[in-house]
Amino acid sequence: MSAADTSAPPRGMPSAEIARPHTTETPTLVRLYVWDLPLRFSHWNIALSFLVLAVTGLYIGKPFGPPSGAASPNFMMGWVKTVHFYASIIFSVSVLARIIWMFRGNRYARWHELIPVTKRRFIGIFKTIFFYTLIFRKPPASLGHNPLAGASYTAVFGMYLAMIVTGVALYAPTAAPHSPLHPFTFLLPLLGGASTIRWVHHAVMWGLALFSVSHMATALLTSLVEANGEFDSIFSGCKEMTPEELREVREGEALDDANAWHLRARWPWRKRSA
């Protein structure tokens, strides 16, 4: 057979370059520790305490399945309010701890992973939206929070704080005089009265519930498409990616470090070099 016969595949047959991606070889993956223990611990405390708060809060707002008989021997509402109160303490402390860890944790736990302070991460928000809407086949390379997730978490933490403030405002008038929450009674008239505060508290709860559903769905989608352990990482703290993807991530992080204003600023708590 002459060289001319082997220089190109017959018409209708794929070339070697096109056929090569159909190989069954499994790509090499690099396992990386991303989410540290304080971040994962606060994440699960917030998630589980919010679930308890949502169920008990719905019962407090509109009791369902009340026990038969007199209220005093059953004390159902009293128990539900007690559970709601202690769950709110766990929720508030966990949110506060996570906010503190935004300034003390590793790179992927810090606040600049949430707020898009660089041009690359800002543009990455739209690229991620195109991925979730099935316009792009892959999201922008990221090891921690993707740009859209980080921006949405900024709004979520605002909703967390709204839940805490409105919850304190509703509880403070009924708190014992010696309670540390009793001085916050001034919040009730300041925020528009009990009816308005209760409505905001209820609306934000539903907003967080919808976010929780979309959060799990998008994490599962990313995990299935990229096969990088995204969904499992909140348990193990680890993600996986190919060396090529890791190289792309490191190049993007280096670009962010070179262009981020928050790294060039002279913060009061940062030690100045001699």
Foldseek 3Di string as FASTA:
>chain_A
DDPVVVPADPPPDDDCVVCVVVDPDDFDKDKDQADDDLRLVLVVLQVVLLVLLVVLVVCLVPNDPDDDDDCVVVVVNVVSVVSNVVSLVSNVVSLVSLQVCLVVPDPQSHLCVQPVQDPVLVVLLVQVVCVVVVNDLARQQADHDRSVRSPVVVVVSVLSVLLSLLVLCLCQVVDDPPDPSVVSVVVQVVVPHNVVSSVSNNVSSVVVVVVVVVVQVVQVVNCVSQVFCSNVCSPVSMTMHHPVSVVSHVVVVVVCCVPGPVNVDDDPPDDDDD
